[in-house]
Amino acid sequence: MDPASLPEQLSVVNEQVLNSSSRSVTAAVSLRRFLCYGSESATYSTKECALGIENALALMQFIEGGRGCEVVDEIRRLNLEGHAVRRNPSLFALAVCSQHADCKTRQAALRVLKELCRTPVQLFTFVQYKKELKQGSGMWGRALRRAVTDWYNSQDGMSLARTVTKCKHRAGWSHQDLLRLSHMKPTNDTVAVVCKYITKGWKGVQETYGDKENSDDVQKVFAYLEAMEKAKHSTDEQELIHLIEEQRLEKEQILTNHLKSKEVWKALLKEMPMAVLLKHLGKLTANKVLAAGSPDVAAVCERIQDESALKKAKTHPFNILVASENYKRGHGKRSKLKWEPDGDIVQALDCAFCKKYFSEYCSEIAIVEPTGKRFLVAVDISSSLSSVTHGSSISTVAVAAAMCLVSDTAANILKSSYATVKSVIAQTEPDAQIVVYSEGSILPCAVSSDMTFMQVAAQLIKTPGGSTDCALPITWASENDKTVDVFIILTNNQTLGRENPADTLKTYRQKSGVFSKLIVCGLIANSLSIADPEDRGMLDICGFDSQAVDVIRNFALDVI
């Protein structure tokens, strides 16, 4: 194995010189692929695969080679820098490290546990992976008990109270299980109140703290838990609304029966997290909580278009697009729920995605300067674009239209969204080419910055179709002496033509002397096998979701 350190191996720069030996997939690249999106192969799928040792050979290669601490450092860095688009592969790798015979590797893994497990779900998932990896010996040793105890003690009482009451159990584990098995000993009074609540319930909290003089912080936690208990048993709608507003209770903390009340929903709406709001817009409209022309609709529209609120909630532009398309559809994907889309809400969603928010979001979270690379983005319009994109609930034309529109309007970004892929290209990289292709020909995509999302979609739908040849954009670039660093091809056709795009790319590289990369997005594909798994410069994407956006970003910027 190369004696260079892991970070050095993983920081190969995409030089503009063809060098096949330096472009092969090393163990370090395979490790980073696994940590970033859960697969050592050259394929990202919107459907998560089961994680196991057999799927993480590079991970084991590094650990068995005595470099487990370096692996832990890489796990931590990729997560903190936002490159690990899926958290579970990192948690699995961390669990593997924490089980290893090497003491330093085990200690390093458990030392970063509270930093990487931000939520109870992640903590429960990590513990479950450890259970699955257990080989004959008990897993609850002193080191794990200390790490789990530190996770609870590192939080203040109020934050912990909110966290544990919103997510009580997952992956076969509960907070009560972890406190019992870790022999939890609270290090401050407020955490002690929450631990008492977890292990002994509200009755135990009352008996211990009800008749005592407590500090202000303890009283706040006590009052919050008391409100939680009252909300569970209240039959008075006004009392419940008062509790929600006073203690900022959330939907997950309210009984299902109470959610039949329109007024309860209105109370929840005031402090509802952005992700929950976007998910339930249809339900809120169907139940008349959001009545046309009401102050509630006006308030929701203002929030949806509030750039600072969207950024604070880390709302991904692609998720706004999904919420918009789902809402416009007027009915649930699987449920019988139906609603009449409110025009103001539709306009607010379109505005949030296309105008006010997207470009600001992308430039705000940009992690690198413009690359100076040359891009060719090609959208296949050879078959119907009305299919549903695998991995999301929206049509392929919506994804393609978003890409076309944003590429012309929001531009500073090779950094954040599918629609971003084109924006990245259009203005951050001035040498970009953006085309649609079909039936042996390539046409410019007639999109301008003043077009609406629906106009762009209509433009793509009316473009004549034909047979599919995903190698065509690469051949076109070669024949017209176009220098391209990254080809991004989007198709919803399973038939990819007579020529394999991977072979065509290799020919193009030889002719141009540039190590060009190829990303093929099969928007309705369950599987794809275009990319050469031994070639670091090729990537297949099956379906599309917000995480695929980040995979593209990582790949184009040489993170993977």
Protein backbone atom coordinates (compact mmCIF):
# COMPACT_ATOMS: atom_id res chain seq x y z
CA MET A 1 0.00 0.00 0.00
CA ASP A 2 1.17 3.53 -0.76
CA PRO A 3 2.93 4.79 2.37
CA ALA A 4 1.55 8.31 1.90
CA SER A 5 -1.03 9.40 4.41
CA LEU A 6 -4.72 8.82 3.72
CA PRO A 7 -5.59 12.54 3.39
CA GLU A 8 -2.82 12.93 0.81
CA GLN A 9 -4.07 9.93 -1.15
CA LEU A 10 -7.55 11.35 -1.11
CA SER A 11 -6.65 14.81 -2.41
CA VAL A 12 -5.71 14.02 -6.00
CA VAL A 13 -6.14 17.12 -8.18
CA ASN A 14 -7.77 16.81 -11.60
CA GLU A 15 -4.86 17.89 -13.77
CA GLN A 16 -5.43 18.74 -17.40
CA VAL A 17 -3.04 15.99 -18.52
CA LEU A 18 -4.10 12.47 -19.43
CA ASN A 19 -2.50 10.07 -16.97
CA SER A 20 -4.37 6.79 -16.78
CA SER A 21 -2.33 5.40 -13.89
CA SER A 22 -3.22 8.35 -11.62
CA ARG A 23 -6.88 8.15 -12.65
CA SER A 24 -7.47 4.57 -11.60
CA VAL A 25 -9.64 3.83 -8.60
CA THR A 26 -7.41 3.32 -5.56
CA ALA A 27 -8.43 1.90 -2.21
CA ALA A 28 -8.50 5.48 -0.91
CA VAL A 29 -11.02 6.53 -3.59
CA SER A 30 -13.17 3.47 -2.88
CA LEU A 31 -13.14 4.32 0.81
CA ARG A 32 -14.22 7.86 0.16
CA ARG A 33 -16.99 6.72 -2.18
CA PHE A 34 -18.29 4.45 0.56
CA LEU A 35 -18.17 7.18 3.21
CA CYS A 36 -19.76 9.78 0.95
CA TYR A 37 -22.68 7.83 -0.46
CA GLY A 38 -22.55 4.23 0.71
CA SER A 39 -21.05 2.40 -2.26
CA GLU A 40 -17.52 1.58 -3.31
CA SER A 41 -18.70 1.26 -6.92
CA ALA A 42 -19.00 4.00 -9.55
CA THR A 43 -22.77 4.10 -9.05
CA TYR A 44 -24.92 6.26 -6.79
CA SER A 45 -28.50 5.05 -6.37
CA THR A 46 -31.35 6.88 -4.68
CA LYS A 47 -32.24 3.54 -3.13
CA GLU A 48 -29.98 2.87 -0.17
CA CYS A 49 -28.31 -0.52 -0.09
CA ALA A 50 -27.81 -2.65 3.01
CA LEU A 51 -24.45 -1.96 4.62
CA GLY A 52 -22.08 -4.78 5.48
CA ILE A 53 -18.41 -5.66 5.73
CA GLU A 54 -18.60 -7.29 2.29
CA ASN A 55 -19.54 -3.89 0.82
CA ALA A 56 -16.71 -2.01 2.53
CA LEU A 57 -13.56 -3.81 1.45
CA ALA A 58 -11.45 -0.64 1.20
CA LEU A 59 -12.52 0.34 4.71
CA MET A 60 -11.31 -3.01 6.05
CA GLN A 61 -8.12 -2.74 4.01
CA PHE A 62 -7.16 0.50 5.74
CA ILE A 63 -8.17 -0.67 9.21
CA GLU A 64 -6.39 -4.00 8.92
CA GLY A 65 -3.37 -2.11 7.62
CA GLY A 66 -3.07 -0.30 10.95
CA ARG A 67 -4.55 2.97 9.71
CA GLY A 68 -7.83 2.96 11.59
CA CYS A 69 -7.20 6.33 13.26
CA GLU A 70 -6.71 7.92 9.86
CA VAL A 71 -10.01 6.42 8.73
CA VAL A 72 -11.76 7.94 11.76
CA ASP A 73 -10.21 11.34 10.94
CA GLU A 74 -11.46 11.02 7.36
CA ILE A 75 -14.97 10.07 8.53
CA ARG A 76 -15.04 13.11 10.77
CA ARG A 77 -13.70 15.49 8.13
CA LEU A 78 -16.07 14.37 5.36
CA ASN A 79 -19.06 14.73 7.66
CA LEU A 80 -18.11 18.11 9.10
CA GLU A 81 -17.38 19.47 5.63
CA GLY A 82 -20.72 18.20 4.35
CA HIS A 83 -19.39 15.72 1.80
CA ALA A 84 -20.96 12.61 3.36
CA VAL A 85 -24.37 12.96 1.73
CA ARG A 86 -25.61 9.89 3.57
CA ARG A 87 -24.89 9.62 7.26
CA ASN A 88 -25.43 5.86 7.70
CA PRO A 89 -22.29 4.71 5.83
CA SER A 90 -20.19 6.91 8.12
CA LEU A 91 -21.96 5.55 11.20
CA PHE A 92 -21.39 2.01 9.96
CA ALA A 93 -17.69 2.71 9.32
CA LEU A 94 -17.42 4.32 12.76
CA ALA A 95 -19.02 1.23 14.32
CA VAL A 96 -16.52 -1.00 12.50
CA CYS A 97 -13.64 1.10 13.82
CA SER A 98 -15.08 1.02 17.34
CA GLN A 99 -15.12 -2.79 17.26
CA HIS A 100 -11.58 -3.29 16.02
CA ALA A 101 -8.89 -5.00 18.04
CA ASP A 102 -6.60 -1.98 17.85
CA CYS A 103 -7.15 0.06 21.01
CA LYS A 104 -6.25 3.42 19.43
CA THR A 105 -8.72 2.88 16.60
CA ARG A 106 -11.51 2.01 19.05
CA GLN A 107 -10.78 5.04 21.20
CA ALA A 108 -10.61 7.40 18.22
CA ALA A 109 -14.00 6.17 16.92
CA LEU A 110 -15.81 6.57 20.23
CA ARG A 111 -14.16 9.92 20.89
CA VAL A 112 -15.93 11.50 17.89
CA LEU A 113 -19.27 9.79 18.51
CA LYS A 114 -21.08 12.76 20.05
CA GLU A 115 -19.74 15.03 17.31
CA LEU A 116 -21.04 12.87 14.45
CA CYS A 117 -24.27 11.62 16.06
CA ARG A 118 -26.22 14.86 16.15
CA THR A 119 -29.64 13.25 16.64
CA PRO A 120 -31.09 10.31 18.59
CA VAL A 121 -31.76 8.54 15.29
CA GLN A 122 -28.07 8.62 14.44
CA LEU A 123 -27.09 7.45 17.92
CA PHE A 124 -29.57 4.56 17.82
CA THR A 125 -28.37 3.63 14.33
CA PHE A 126 -24.73 3.56 15.44
CA VAL A 127 -25.55 1.32 18.42
CA GLN A 128 -27.54 -1.04 16.19
CA TYR A 129 -24.61 -1.33 13.77
CA LYS A 130 -22.39 -2.24 16.70
CA LYS A 131 -24.86 -4.91 17.72
CA GLU A 132 -24.93 -6.36 14.20
CA LEU A 133 -21.12 -6.37 14.06
CA LYS A 134 -20.70 -8.00 17.46
CA GLN A 135 -18.72 -11.21 17.21
CA GLY A 136 -19.06 -13.34 20.30
CA SER A 137 -18.20 -10.75 22.96
CA GLY A 138 -20.41 -8.23 24.67
CA MET A 139 -20.41 -4.77 23.09
CA TRP A 140 -21.23 -2.72 26.18
CA GLY A 141 -17.73 -2.21 27.49
CA ARG A 142 -16.50 0.74 29.51
CA ALA A 143 -15.55 2.80 26.45
CA LEU A 144 -18.98 2.58 24.80
CA ARG A 145 -20.75 3.28 28.09
CA ARG A 146 -18.65 6.40 28.54
CA ALA A 147 -19.28 7.56 24.95
CA VAL A 148 -23.06 7.16 25.24
CA THR A 149 -23.07 8.87 28.64
CA ASP A 150 -21.10 11.77 27.15
CA TRP A 151 -23.69 12.08 24.36
CA TYR A 152 -26.44 12.79 26.88
CA ASN A 153 -24.34 14.87 29.27
CA SER A 154 -22.99 17.11 26.49
CA GLN A 155 -26.45 18.66 25.97
CA ASP A 156 -28.25 21.20 28.09
CA GLY A 157 -31.42 20.07 29.82
CA MET A 158 -33.95 21.88 27.61
CA SER A 159 -32.35 20.75 24.35
CA LEU A 160 -32.21 17.19 25.61
CA ALA A 161 -35.84 17.32 26.76
CA ARG A 162 -36.99 18.46 23.30
CA THR A 163 -34.82 15.89 21.57
CA VAL A 164 -35.83 12.81 23.55
CA THR A 165 -39.54 13.63 23.49
CA LYS A 166 -39.57 14.09 19.70
CA CYS A 167 -37.70 10.84 18.99
CA LYS A 168 -38.18 8.19 21.67
CA HIS A 169 -37.01 5.07 19.84
CA ARG A 170 -35.62 3.92 16.52
CA ALA A 171 -33.74 0.96 15.01
CA GLY A 172 -34.84 -1.29 17.87
CA TRP A 173 -33.42 0.98 20.60
CA SER A 174 -34.88 3.51 23.01
CA HIS A 175 -33.41 6.15 25.30
CA GLN A 176 -34.39 3.98 28.24
CA ASP A 177 -32.31 1.12 26.80
CA LEU A 178 -29.23 3.30 26.34
CA LEU A 179 -29.43 4.90 29.78
CA ARG A 180 -29.74 1.49 31.42
CA LEU A 181 -26.95 -0.17 29.46
CA SER A 182 -24.54 2.77 29.71
CA HIS A 183 -25.06 3.10 33.49
CA MET A 184 -25.79 6.75 32.85
CA LYS A 185 -24.82 9.21 35.60
CA PRO A 186 -25.97 12.79 34.86
CA THR A 187 -23.36 15.49 35.41
CA ASN A 188 -25.84 18.34 35.93
CA ASP A 189 -29.28 18.81 37.45
CA THR A 190 -31.19 19.59 34.25
CA VAL A 191 -29.94 16.47 32.48
CA ALA A 192 -30.81 14.51 35.63
CA VAL A 193 -34.45 15.67 35.33
CA VAL A 194 -34.65 14.42 31.74
CA CYS A 195 -33.01 11.11 32.64
CA LYS A 196 -35.50 10.64 35.44
CA TYR A 197 -38.30 11.29 32.96
CA ILE A 198 -36.88 8.71 30.54
CA THR A 199 -36.41 5.98 33.13
CA LYS A 200 -39.23 6.62 35.63
CA GLY A 201 -41.75 8.66 33.66
CA TRP A 202 -43.53 11.82 34.73
CA LYS A 203 -44.54 10.27 38.04
CA GLY A 204 -40.90 9.75 38.96
CA VAL A 205 -40.08 13.38 38.06
CA GLN A 206 -42.94 14.65 40.25
CA GLU A 207 -41.83 12.56 43.20
CA THR A 208 -38.22 13.72 42.95
CA TYR A 209 -38.65 17.38 42.01
CA GLY A 210 -42.29 18.31 42.55
CA ASP A 211 -42.10 19.51 46.15
CA LYS A 212 -38.52 20.82 46.17
CA GLU A 213 -37.01 24.23 45.65
CA ASN A 214 -35.27 23.89 42.31
CA SER A 215 -33.00 26.15 40.31
CA ASP A 216 -34.48 28.23 37.48
CA ASP A 217 -33.02 25.90 34.86
CA VAL A 218 -34.50 22.84 36.53
CA GLN A 219 -37.85 24.59 36.82
CA LYS A 220 -37.84 25.30 33.07
CA VAL A 221 -37.20 21.66 32.22
CA PHE A 222 -39.81 20.57 34.77
CA ALA A 223 -42.39 22.96 33.28
CA TYR A 224 -41.65 21.73 29.77
CA LEU A 225 -42.10 18.07 30.70
CA GLU A 226 -45.23 18.95 32.62
CA ALA A 227 -46.64 20.64 29.53
CA MET A 228 -45.82 17.52 27.53
CA GLU A 229 -47.79 15.37 29.96
CA LYS A 230 -50.75 17.75 30.01
CA ALA A 231 -50.81 17.80 26.22
CA LYS A 232 -51.04 14.01 26.16
CA HIS A 233 -54.14 13.90 28.32
CA SER A 234 -55.87 17.20 27.61
CA THR A 235 -59.40 17.16 26.22
CA ASP A 236 -59.64 20.94 26.22
CA GLU A 237 -58.68 22.32 22.80
CA GLN A 238 -57.86 25.78 24.15
CA GLU A 239 -55.64 24.36 26.87
CA LEU A 240 -53.77 22.28 24.29
CA ILE A 241 -53.28 25.30 22.04
CA HIS A 242 -51.96 27.29 24.99
CA LEU A 243 -49.47 24.53 25.82
CA ILE A 244 -48.29 24.35 22.20
CA GLU A 245 -47.73 28.09 22.00
CA GLU A 246 -46.22 28.47 25.47
CA GLN A 247 -43.70 25.62 25.21
CA ARG A 248 -43.31 25.53 21.41
CA LEU A 249 -44.43 21.92 21.19
CA GLU A 250 -44.10 20.29 17.77
CA LYS A 251 -46.23 17.94 15.70
CA GLU A 252 -44.27 14.84 16.77
CA GLN A 253 -45.13 15.58 20.40
CA ILE A 254 -48.90 15.82 19.85
CA LEU A 255 -51.24 12.82 19.87
CA THR A 256 -52.70 11.81 16.51
CA ASN A 257 -56.23 12.32 17.81
CA HIS A 258 -55.46 15.96 18.62
CA LEU A 259 -54.30 16.54 15.04
CA LYS A 260 -57.89 16.27 13.84
CA SER A 261 -58.41 19.81 15.12
CA LYS A 262 -57.92 22.66 12.65
CA GLU A 263 -57.12 25.08 15.47
CA VAL A 264 -54.40 22.79 16.84
CA TRP A 265 -52.79 22.73 13.39
CA LYS A 266 -52.92 26.53 13.28
CA ALA A 267 -51.14 26.70 16.62
CA LEU A 268 -48.46 24.28 15.39
CA LEU A 269 -48.10 26.26 12.18
CA LYS A 270 -46.62 29.28 13.97
CA GLU A 271 -43.38 27.49 14.93
CA MET A 272 -43.50 24.61 12.45
CA PRO A 273 -40.03 23.65 11.10
CA MET A 274 -39.58 24.45 7.42
CA ALA A 275 -39.19 20.83 6.31
CA VAL A 276 -42.42 19.83 8.09
CA LEU A 277 -44.27 22.82 6.62
CA LEU A 278 -43.23 21.99 3.06
CA LYS A 279 -44.21 18.35 3.54
CA HIS A 280 -47.70 19.14 4.85
CA LEU A 281 -48.78 22.02 2.59
CA GLY A 282 -51.26 19.77 0.78
CA LYS A 283 -52.78 18.41 3.98
CA LEU A 284 -53.04 21.89 5.49
CA THR A 285 -54.83 23.12 2.36
CA ALA A 286 -57.16 20.10 2.18
CA ASN A 287 -58.14 20.54 5.85
CA LYS A 288 -58.83 24.26 5.33
CA VAL A 289 -56.15 25.25 7.79
CA LEU A 290 -54.74 27.26 4.91
CA ALA A 291 -57.86 28.88 3.50
CA ALA A 292 -57.55 31.02 0.39
CA GLY A 293 -56.86 34.66 1.20
CA SER A 294 -56.45 34.03 4.93
CA PRO A 295 -53.76 35.58 7.15
CA ASP A 296 -52.38 32.05 7.66
CA VAL A 297 -51.74 31.68 3.92
CA ALA A 298 -50.06 35.08 3.83
CA ALA A 299 -47.83 34.12 6.77
CA VAL A 300 -46.88 30.79 5.16
CA CYS A 301 -46.05 32.46 1.85
CA GLU A 302 -43.86 34.96 3.66
CA ARG A 303 -41.97 32.17 5.44
CA ILE A 304 -41.50 30.16 2.25
CA GLN A 305 -39.89 33.16 0.56
CA ASP A 306 -37.82 34.21 3.57
CA GLU A 307 -34.23 33.61 2.46
CA SER A 308 -32.80 33.74 5.97
CA ALA A 309 -35.36 31.20 7.24
CA LEU A 310 -34.61 28.84 4.35
CA LYS A 311 -30.89 29.09 4.91
CA LYS A 312 -31.22 28.62 8.66
CA ALA A 313 -33.30 25.48 8.08
CA LYS A 314 -30.73 24.30 5.46
CA THR A 315 -33.56 23.74 3.00
CA HIS A 316 -32.19 22.18 -0.15
CA PRO A 317 -33.40 23.81 -3.42
CA PHE A 318 -34.30 20.40 -4.82
CA ASN A 319 -36.60 19.80 -1.83
CA ILE A 320 -38.36 23.08 -2.58
CA LEU A 321 -38.88 21.86 -6.14
CA VAL A 322 -40.29 18.55 -4.88
CA ALA A 323 -42.64 20.34 -2.46
CA SER A 324 -43.80 22.64 -5.25
CA GLU A 325 -44.52 19.84 -7.72
CA ASN A 326 -46.27 17.71 -5.09
CA TYR A 327 -48.45 20.63 -4.05
CA LYS A 328 -49.39 21.56 -7.62
CA ARG A 329 -50.49 17.96 -8.27
CA GLY A 330 -53.43 18.46 -5.90
CA HIS A 331 -53.47 14.97 -4.40
CA GLY A 332 -51.28 12.66 -2.36
CA LYS A 333 -49.01 10.18 -4.09
CA ARG A 334 -50.38 7.20 -2.19
CA SER A 335 -53.17 8.58 0.02
CA LYS A 336 -56.68 9.61 -1.04
CA LEU A 337 -56.10 13.16 0.19
CA LYS A 338 -57.04 15.86 -2.36
CA TRP A 339 -56.84 19.64 -2.36
CA GLU A 340 -57.22 22.65 -4.62
CA PRO A 341 -53.75 24.26 -4.86
CA ASP A 342 -53.74 27.82 -3.57
CA GLY A 343 -52.36 30.24 -6.17
CA ASP A 344 -50.48 32.33 -3.63
CA ILE A 345 -48.72 29.28 -2.20
CA VAL A 346 -47.82 28.01 -5.69
CA GLN A 347 -46.36 31.40 -6.56
CA ALA A 348 -44.41 31.53 -3.29
CA LEU A 349 -42.90 28.10 -3.91
CA ASP A 350 -41.92 28.99 -7.47
CA CYS A 351 -40.43 32.25 -6.26
CA ALA A 352 -38.46 30.52 -3.51
CA PHE A 353 -36.99 28.05 -5.96
CA CYS A 354 -36.43 30.11 -9.08
CA LYS A 355 -35.89 33.69 -8.05
CA LYS A 356 -35.26 34.98 -4.56
CA TYR A 357 -33.68 32.01 -2.88
CA PHE A 358 -31.89 29.67 -5.20
CA SER A 359 -29.01 31.79 -6.40
CA GLU A 360 -28.50 33.30 -2.96
CA TYR A 361 -28.53 29.85 -1.38
CA CYS A 362 -26.02 28.47 -3.81
CA SER A 363 -23.56 31.33 -3.48
CA GLU A 364 -23.95 31.32 0.29
CA ILE A 365 -23.01 27.69 0.73
CA ALA A 366 -20.39 27.59 -1.99
CA ILE A 367 -17.33 25.81 -0.70
CA VAL A 368 -14.92 26.53 -3.53
CA GLU A 369 -14.11 29.23 -6.01
CA PRO A 370 -15.17 28.68 -9.64
CA THR A 371 -13.20 25.78 -11.04
CA GLY A 372 -12.46 27.16 -14.48
CA LYS A 373 -13.46 23.77 -15.88
CA ARG A 374 -15.40 23.38 -19.10
CA PHE A 375 -18.75 21.61 -18.96
CA LEU A 376 -21.14 20.06 -21.41
CA VAL A 377 -24.60 19.32 -19.99
CA ALA A 378 -26.88 17.34 -22.29
CA VAL A 379 -30.56 16.56 -21.67
CA ASP A 380 -31.98 13.57 -23.55
CA ILE A 381 -35.39 14.45 -25.02
CA SER A 382 -35.66 11.35 -27.19
CA SER A 383 -38.57 9.90 -25.22
CA SER A 384 -41.41 11.17 -23.07
CA LEU A 385 -40.36 13.37 -20.18
CA SER A 386 -43.54 12.65 -18.26
CA SER A 387 -42.09 9.70 -16.32
CA VAL A 388 -41.66 9.95 -12.56
CA THR A 389 -38.05 10.38 -11.47
CA HIS A 390 -36.81 7.38 -9.51
CA GLY A 391 -36.08 8.43 -5.94
CA SER A 392 -38.55 11.32 -5.88
CA SER A 393 -42.20 11.95 -6.64
CA ILE A 394 -41.75 14.47 -9.44
CA SER A 395 -41.56 14.07 -13.21
CA THR A 396 -38.37 13.94 -15.21
CA VAL A 397 -39.47 17.05 -17.09
CA ALA A 398 -39.61 18.92 -13.79
CA VAL A 399 -36.04 17.93 -13.04
CA ALA A 400 -34.91 18.81 -16.56
CA ALA A 401 -36.79 22.12 -16.55
CA ALA A 402 -35.27 23.06 -13.21
CA MET A 403 -31.83 22.36 -14.57
CA CYS A 404 -32.44 24.47 -17.66
CA LEU A 405 -34.02 27.38 -15.82
CA VAL A 406 -31.53 27.64 -13.02
CA SER A 407 -28.60 27.31 -15.36
CA ASP A 408 -29.69 30.52 -16.99
CA THR A 409 -30.65 32.48 -13.90
CA ALA A 410 -28.85 31.43 -10.78
CA ALA A 411 -25.36 30.75 -11.73
CA ASN A 412 -22.64 30.80 -9.23
CA ILE A 413 -22.64 27.25 -8.35
CA LEU A 414 -21.02 24.06 -9.04
CA LYS A 415 -21.94 23.45 -5.54
CA SER A 416 -25.46 22.70 -4.71
CA SER A 417 -28.37 21.40 -6.70
CA TYR A 418 -29.40 19.35 -9.66
CA ALA A 419 -30.85 22.33 -11.20
CA THR A 420 -27.57 23.62 -9.96
CA VAL A 421 -25.67 21.38 -12.29
CA LYS A 422 -26.60 23.72 -15.09
CA SER A 423 -26.31 26.87 -13.16
CA VAL A 424 -22.88 25.79 -12.22
CA ILE A 425 -22.11 25.57 -15.71
CA ALA A 426 -23.87 28.49 -17.20
CA GLN A 427 -22.23 31.35 -15.42
CA THR A 428 -19.69 30.14 -12.92
CA GLU A 429 -17.99 28.40 -15.83
CA PRO A 430 -18.25 30.68 -18.88
CA ASP A 431 -17.11 27.99 -21.34
CA ALA A 432 -20.12 25.78 -20.60
CA GLN A 433 -22.29 24.21 -23.29
CA ILE A 434 -25.93 23.36 -22.46
CA VAL A 435 -27.84 21.30 -25.02
CA VAL A 436 -30.69 18.89 -25.64
CA TYR A 437 -30.13 15.93 -27.94
CA SER A 438 -32.16 13.37 -29.85
CA GLU A 439 -32.21 11.38 -33.12
CA GLY A 440 -28.59 11.99 -34.02
CA SER A 441 -28.72 15.74 -33.51
CA ILE A 442 -27.95 18.26 -30.78
CA LEU A 443 -29.96 21.44 -30.32
CA PRO A 444 -29.53 24.47 -28.08
CA CYS A 445 -31.91 24.57 -25.14
CA ALA A 446 -34.07 27.64 -25.78
CA VAL A 447 -34.33 28.89 -22.21
CA SER A 448 -33.99 32.46 -20.96
CA SER A 449 -33.80 33.93 -17.49
CA ASP A 450 -37.22 35.58 -17.77
CA MET A 451 -39.05 32.30 -18.44
CA THR A 452 -41.14 30.68 -15.72
CA PHE A 453 -40.65 27.13 -14.57
CA MET A 454 -43.76 25.96 -16.45
CA GLN A 455 -42.64 27.68 -19.66
CA VAL A 456 -39.34 25.85 -19.51
CA ALA A 457 -41.13 22.54 -18.96
CA ALA A 458 -43.40 23.26 -21.94
CA GLN A 459 -40.35 24.07 -24.07
CA LEU A 460 -38.80 20.68 -23.32
CA ILE A 461 -42.02 18.76 -23.90
CA LYS A 462 -42.57 20.27 -27.36
CA THR A 463 -39.02 19.55 -28.50
CA PRO A 464 -39.23 16.64 -31.01
CA GLY A 465 -38.05 13.28 -29.75
CA GLY A 466 -36.36 10.31 -31.38
CA SER A 467 -33.91 7.55 -30.57
CA THR A 468 -31.48 7.75 -27.66
CA ASP A 469 -27.72 7.82 -27.98
CA CYS A 470 -26.02 8.93 -24.78
CA ALA A 471 -22.64 8.88 -26.50
CA LEU A 472 -23.79 11.56 -28.94
CA PRO A 473 -22.84 14.61 -26.80
CA ILE A 474 -19.28 13.28 -26.42
CA THR A 475 -19.02 12.52 -30.15
CA TRP A 476 -20.37 15.99 -30.95
CA ALA A 477 -17.77 17.61 -28.68
CA SER A 478 -15.01 15.60 -30.39
CA GLU A 479 -16.14 16.37 -33.94
CA ASN A 480 -16.51 20.09 -33.17
CA ASP A 481 -13.22 20.36 -31.27
CA LYS A 482 -14.97 21.29 -28.01
CA THR A 483 -12.74 20.96 -24.97
CA VAL A 484 -14.82 19.55 -22.10
CA ASP A 485 -13.68 18.71 -18.59
CA VAL A 486 -17.00 17.32 -17.34
CA PHE A 487 -19.83 15.78 -19.37
CA ILE A 488 -23.18 15.59 -17.55
CA ILE A 489 -25.77 13.54 -19.43
CA LEU A 490 -29.36 13.19 -18.24
CA THR A 491 -31.68 10.60 -19.72
CA ASN A 492 -34.91 8.82 -18.87
CA ASN A 493 -34.40 6.12 -21.48
CA GLN A 494 -33.11 2.68 -20.58
CA THR A 495 -31.77 2.17 -24.14
CA LEU A 496 -28.49 3.96 -24.52
CA GLY A 497 -27.67 3.56 -28.22
CA ARG A 498 -25.12 1.50 -30.13
CA GLU A 499 -22.02 3.12 -28.65
CA ASN A 500 -21.11 2.90 -24.99
CA PRO A 501 -20.56 6.45 -23.66
CA ALA A 502 -17.69 5.17 -21.49
CA ASP A 503 -15.81 3.90 -24.56
CA THR A 504 -16.56 7.11 -26.45
CA LEU A 505 -15.23 9.12 -23.51
CA LYS A 506 -11.95 7.20 -23.49
CA THR A 507 -11.52 7.93 -27.21
CA TYR A 508 -12.28 11.59 -26.58
CA ARG A 509 -9.68 11.72 -23.81
CA GLN A 510 -7.03 10.31 -26.13
CA LYS A 511 -7.82 12.87 -28.81
CA SER A 512 -8.11 15.93 -26.53
CA GLY A 513 -5.39 15.07 -24.02
CA VAL A 514 -7.82 16.03 -21.24
CA PHE A 515 -8.94 13.68 -18.46
CA SER A 516 -12.62 14.47 -18.99
CA LYS A 517 -15.18 13.18 -16.50
CA LEU A 518 -18.54 11.66 -17.33
CA ILE A 519 -21.68 11.70 -15.20
CA VAL A 520 -24.70 9.82 -16.57
CA CYS A 521 -27.97 10.35 -14.70
CA GLY A 522 -30.57 7.69 -15.47
CA LEU A 523 -33.58 9.55 -14.09
CA ILE A 524 -35.90 6.52 -14.11
CA ALA A 525 -33.25 3.81 -13.82
CA ASN A 526 -33.09 1.21 -11.05
CA SER A 527 -29.66 0.19 -12.27
CA LEU A 528 -27.06 1.57 -14.64
CA SER A 529 -23.78 0.11 -15.87
CA ILE A 530 -22.19 2.71 -18.12
CA ALA A 531 -19.33 3.86 -15.91
CA ASP A 532 -16.13 1.83 -15.86
CA PRO A 533 -15.79 0.90 -12.16
CA GLU A 534 -12.00 1.11 -12.41
CA ASP A 535 -12.06 4.63 -13.87
CA ARG A 536 -12.17 7.41 -11.30
CA GLY A 537 -13.57 9.83 -13.87
CA MET A 538 -16.91 8.11 -14.45
CA LEU A 539 -20.09 8.10 -12.36
CA ASP A 540 -23.55 6.58 -12.83
CA ILE A 541 -26.56 7.98 -10.98
CA CYS A 542 -29.76 5.94 -10.74
CA GLY A 543 -32.77 8.18 -10.17
CA PHE A 544 -32.44 11.62 -8.68
CA ASP A 545 -32.87 13.29 -5.30
CA SER A 546 -31.36 16.11 -3.29
CA GLN A 547 -28.49 13.88 -2.22
CA ALA A 548 -27.65 13.12 -5.85
CA VAL A 549 -27.01 16.82 -6.23
CA ASP A 550 -24.29 16.66 -3.61
CA VAL A 551 -22.81 13.50 -5.12
CA ILE A 552 -22.46 15.38 -8.43
CA ARG A 553 -20.87 18.31 -6.63
CA ASN A 554 -18.37 16.07 -4.83
CA PHE A 555 -17.51 14.20 -8.00
CA ALA A 556 -17.03 17.30 -10.16
CA LEU A 557 -14.88 18.96 -7.51
CA ASP A 558 -12.62 15.90 -7.11
CA VAL A 559 -13.78 15.15 -3.58
CA ILE A 560 -14.43 11.55 -4.67
